[in-house]
C-alpha atoms as a PDB file:
ATOM      1  CA  MET A   1     112.661 -10.280-284.802  1.00  0.00           C
ATOM      2  CA  THR A   2     112.192 -12.786-287.480  1.00  0.00           C
ATOM      3  CA  SER A   3     109.108 -13.661-289.638  1.00  0.00           C
ATOM      4  CA  PHE A   4     107.800 -16.183-292.023  1.00  0.00           C
ATOM      5  CA  ASP A   5     104.838 -16.555-294.396  1.00  0.00           C
ATOM      6  CA  VAL A   6     101.858 -18.823-294.005  1.00  0.00           C
ATOM      7  CA  THR A   7      99.604 -19.647-297.005  1.00  0.00           C
ATOM      8  CA  THR A   8      96.075 -20.516-295.953  1.00  0.00           C
ATOM      9  CA  HIS A   9      93.725 -22.499-298.294  1.00  0.00           C
ATOM     10  CA  VAL A  10      90.242 -22.145-296.930  1.00  0.00           C
ATOM     11  CA  ARG A  11      88.290 -19.358-295.061  1.00  0.00           C
ATOM     12  CA  THR A  12      88.752 -20.967-291.582  1.00  0.00           C
ATOM     13  CA  GLU A  13      91.520 -23.170-290.592  1.00  0.00           C
ATOM     14  CA  LEU A  14      94.141 -23.875-287.980  1.00  0.00           C
ATOM     15  CA  ILE A  15      97.657 -24.479-289.352  1.00  0.00           C
ATOM     16  CA  ASP A  16     100.384 -26.095-287.132  1.00  0.00           C
ATOM     17  CA  ILE A  17     103.365 -23.707-287.241  1.00  0.00           C
ATOM     18  CA  THR A  18     105.292 -25.240-284.323  1.00  0.00           C
ATOM     19  CA  SER A  19     108.187 -26.394-286.361  1.00  0.00           C
ATOM     20  CA  LYS A  20     108.637 -22.963-288.022  1.00  0.00           C
ATOM     21  CA  VAL A  21     108.572 -21.241-284.626  1.00  0.00           C
ATOM     22  CA  GLN A  22     111.001 -23.784-283.246  1.00  0.00           C
ATOM     23  CA  ASP A  23     113.324 -23.053-286.111  1.00  0.00           C
ATOM     24  CA  ALA A  24     113.336 -19.377-285.267  1.00  0.00           C
ATOM     25  CA  VAL A  25     114.230 -20.238-281.694  1.00  0.00           C
ATOM     26  CA  ALA A  26     117.026 -22.457-282.804  1.00  0.00           C
ATOM     27  CA  HIS A  27     118.497 -19.823-285.131  1.00  0.00           C
ATOM     28  CA  SER A  28     118.264 -17.129-282.445  1.00  0.00           C
ATOM     29  CA  GLY A  29     120.936 -18.734-280.248  1.00  0.00           C
ATOM     30  CA  VAL A  30     118.869 -18.130-277.123  1.00  0.00           C
ATOM     31  CA  SER A  31     118.879 -21.100-274.730  1.00  0.00           C
ATOM     32  CA  SER A  32     116.642 -19.753-271.929  1.00  0.00           C
ATOM     33  CA  GLY A  33     113.993 -16.942-272.403  1.00  0.00           C
ATOM     34  CA  ILE A  34     110.640 -16.262-273.943  1.00  0.00           C
ATOM     35  CA  CYS A  35     109.344 -16.511-277.485  1.00  0.00           C
ATOM     36  CA  PHE A  36     106.622 -14.200-278.549  1.00  0.00           C
ATOM     37  CA  VAL A  37     104.704 -15.348-281.562  1.00  0.00           C
ATOM     38  CA  ASN A  38     102.673 -12.458-283.113  1.00  0.00           C
ATOM     39  CA  VAL A  39     100.199 -12.333-285.993  1.00  0.00           C
ATOM     40  CA  PRO A  40      99.939  -8.804-287.382  1.00  0.00           C
ATOM     41  CA  HIS A  41      96.514  -9.309-288.945  1.00  0.00           C
ATOM     42  CA  THR A  42      93.081  -8.318-287.695  1.00  0.00           C
ATOM     43  CA  THR A  43      91.296 -11.427-289.159  1.00  0.00           C
ATOM     44  CA  ALA A  44      93.769 -14.055-287.990  1.00  0.00           C
ATOM     45  CA  ALA A  45      95.185 -15.182-284.594  1.00  0.00           C
ATOM     46  CA  VAL A  46      97.643 -17.562-282.945  1.00  0.00           C
ATOM     47  CA  THR A  47      97.042 -20.107-280.236  1.00  0.00           C
ATOM     48  CA  VAL A  48      98.750 -22.923-278.399  1.00  0.00           C
ATOM     49  CA  ASN A  49      96.598 -26.138-278.212  1.00  0.00           C
ATOM     50  CA  GLU A  50      96.623 -29.900-278.843  1.00  0.00           C
ATOM     51  CA  SER A  51      98.667 -30.846-281.927  1.00  0.00           C
ATOM     52  CA  TYR A  52      98.501 -34.627-281.532  1.00  0.00           C
ATOM     53  CA  ASP A  53      94.773 -35.153-282.687  1.00  0.00           C
ATOM     54  CA  SER A  54      93.875 -33.046-285.722  1.00  0.00           C
ATOM     55  CA  ASP A  55      90.224 -33.354-284.730  1.00  0.00           C
ATOM     56  CA  VAL A  56      90.826 -30.836-281.998  1.00  0.00           C
ATOM     57  CA  ALA A  57      91.595 -28.136-284.459  1.00  0.00           C
ATOM     58  CA  GLY A  58      88.534 -29.041-286.481  1.00  0.00           C
ATOM     59  CA  ASP A  59      86.418 -28.833-283.287  1.00  0.00           C
ATOM     60  CA  ILE A  60      87.810 -25.446-282.455  1.00  0.00           C
ATOM     61  CA  THR A  61      87.043 -24.027-285.866  1.00  0.00           C
ATOM     62  CA  ALA A  62      83.635 -25.572-285.925  1.00  0.00           C
ATOM     63  CA  THR A  63      82.711 -24.284-282.465  1.00  0.00           C
ATOM     64  CA  LEU A  64      83.964 -20.802-283.269  1.00  0.00           C
ATOM     65  CA  SER A  65      81.850 -20.784-286.431  1.00  0.00           C
ATOM     66  CA  LYS A  66      78.807 -21.689-284.412  1.00  0.00           C
ATOM     67  CA  LEU A  67      79.504 -19.032-281.779  1.00  0.00           C
ATOM     68  CA  VAL A  68      80.215 -16.357-284.303  1.00  0.00           C
ATOM     69  CA  PRO A  69      78.550 -17.198-287.647  1.00  0.00           C
ATOM     70  CA  HIS A  70      79.935 -15.811-290.926  1.00  0.00           C
ATOM     71  CA  ARG A  71      76.804 -13.996-291.996  1.00  0.00           C
ATOM     72  CA  ALA A  72      74.724 -12.690-289.022  1.00  0.00           C
ATOM     73  CA  GLY A  73      73.852  -9.136-290.101  1.00  0.00           C
ATOM     74  CA  TYR A  74      77.003  -7.410-289.061  1.00  0.00           C
ATOM     75  CA  ALA A  75      77.401  -3.693-289.860  1.00  0.00           C
ATOM     76  CA  HIS A  76      80.932  -3.967-291.287  1.00  0.00           C
ATOM     77  CA  ALA A  77      80.417  -3.622-295.041  1.00  0.00           C
ATOM     78  CA  GLU A  78      83.473  -5.851-295.961  1.00  0.00           C
ATOM     79  CA  GLY A  79      81.585  -8.964-294.913  1.00  0.00           C
ATOM     80  CA  ASN A  80      84.269 -10.386-292.614  1.00  0.00           C
ATOM     81  CA  SER A  81      83.169  -9.157-289.144  1.00  0.00           C
ATOM     82  CA  ASP A  82      82.967 -12.787-287.957  1.00  0.00           C
ATOM     83  CA  ALA A  83      86.690 -13.105-288.710  1.00  0.00           C
ATOM     84  CA  HIS A  84      87.518  -9.848-286.693  1.00  0.00           C
ATOM     85  CA  ILE A  85      85.510 -11.119-283.665  1.00  0.00           C
ATOM     86  CA  LYS A  86      87.128 -14.603-283.802  1.00  0.00           C
ATOM     87  CA  ALA A  87      90.570 -12.956-283.853  1.00  0.00           C
ATOM     88  CA  VAL A  88      89.649 -10.937-280.859  1.00  0.00           C
ATOM     89  CA  LEU A  89      88.505 -14.090-279.048  1.00  0.00           C
ATOM     90  CA  VAL A  90      91.663 -16.079-279.810  1.00  0.00           C
ATOM     91  CA  GLY A  91      94.230 -13.297-279.716  1.00  0.00           C
ATOM     92  CA  CYS A  92      97.108 -12.088-281.816  1.00  0.00           C
ATOM     93  CA  CYS A  93     100.099 -13.013-279.671  1.00  0.00           C
ATOM     94  CA  GLN A  94     101.350 -15.978-277.607  1.00  0.00           C
ATOM     95  CA  PRO A  95     104.294 -15.906-275.194  1.00  0.00           C
ATOM     96  CA  ILE A  96     105.971 -19.283-274.963  1.00  0.00           C
ATOM     97  CA  PRO A  97     108.932 -20.123-272.575  1.00  0.00           C
ATOM     98  CA  VAL A  98     112.200 -21.188-274.053  1.00  0.00           C
ATOM     99  CA  GLU A  99     114.259 -23.799-272.179  1.00  0.00           C
ATOM    100  CA  ASP A 100     117.474 -25.417-273.521  1.00  0.00           C
ATOM    101  CA  SER A 101     117.037 -23.679-276.905  1.00  0.00           C
ATOM    102  CA  ARG A 102     113.523 -25.339-277.308  1.00  0.00           C
ATOM    103  CA  LEU A 103     109.953 -24.132-276.978  1.00  0.00           C
ATOM    104  CA  ALA A 104     108.786 -25.296-273.478  1.00  0.00           C
ATOM    105  CA  LEU A 105     105.526 -26.802-274.738  1.00  0.00           C
ATOM    106  CA  GLY A 106     103.595 -29.630-273.206  1.00  0.00           C
ATOM    107  CA  GLN A 107     103.828 -33.112-274.747  1.00  0.00           C
ATOM    108  CA  TRP A 108     100.632 -32.581-276.843  1.00  0.00           C
ATOM    109  CA  GLN A 109     100.899 -28.862-277.463  1.00  0.00           C
ATOM    110  CA  GLY A 110     101.584 -27.125-280.686  1.00  0.00           C
ATOM    111  CA  VAL A 111     101.565 -23.482-282.012  1.00  0.00           C
ATOM    112  CA  PHE A 112      98.773 -22.893-284.428  1.00  0.00           C
ATOM    113  CA  PHE A 113      98.093 -20.046-286.881  1.00  0.00           C
ATOM    114  CA  CYS A 114      94.333 -19.389-286.876  1.00  0.00           C
ATOM    115  CA  GLU A 115      92.886 -18.160-290.208  1.00  0.00           C
ATOM    116  CA  PHE A 116      89.438 -16.695-290.142  1.00  0.00           C
ATOM    117  CA  ASP A 117      89.248 -14.872-293.412  1.00  0.00           C
ATOM    118  CA  GLY A 118      91.136 -17.037-295.959  1.00  0.00           C
ATOM    119  CA  PRO A 119      92.436 -18.090-298.220  1.00  0.00           C
ATOM    120  CA  ARG A 120      95.209 -15.611-297.952  1.00  0.00           C
ATOM    121  CA  GLN A 121      99.003 -15.085-297.776  1.00  0.00           C
ATOM    122  CA  ARG A 122      99.810 -14.231-294.021  1.00  0.00           C
ATOM    123  CA  ARG A 123     102.873 -13.286-292.038  1.00  0.00           C
ATOM    124  CA  VAL A 124     103.925 -14.541-288.502  1.00  0.00           C
ATOM    125  CA  GLN A 125     106.409 -12.590-286.396  1.00  0.00           C
ATOM    126  CA  VAL A 126     108.577 -14.330-283.883  1.00  0.00           C
ATOM    127  CA  GLN A 127     110.650 -12.466-281.185  1.00  0.00           C
ATOM    128  CA  ILE A 128     112.808 -14.302-278.821  1.00  0.00           C
ATOM    129  CA  LEU A 129     114.109 -12.637-275.687  1.00  0.00           C
ATOM    130  CA  LYS A 130     116.968 -13.977-273.624  1.00  0.00           C
ATOM    131  CA  SER A 131     116.361 -14.348-269.824  1.00  0.00           C
END
């Protein structure tokens, strides 16, 4: 397994990490298999979505913020329950096929780190399994 750090700058943001994940695949030497991208944090997540138009990431974060508002009378004393809920909705791990030593993503797809309780220094774990 390999890992890399992600620095977030605001409370809620999606950061395209596709190139860093692809670098991990390239360095693994695996030409065919599966790449697991894991975020070991309870207030962050990872997803695969459109990377061509940055408005999509903005729409995702805006909609999640409407669905799960920051301050809505949650019981959790730390004040970040919304971030925990958003992380549950999006998920902490994404499996991505690897073909010809490349992530087998669609033309417009990218891998995004999802920050819901920033700014913070975060870690992303990448595990590539050979098929």
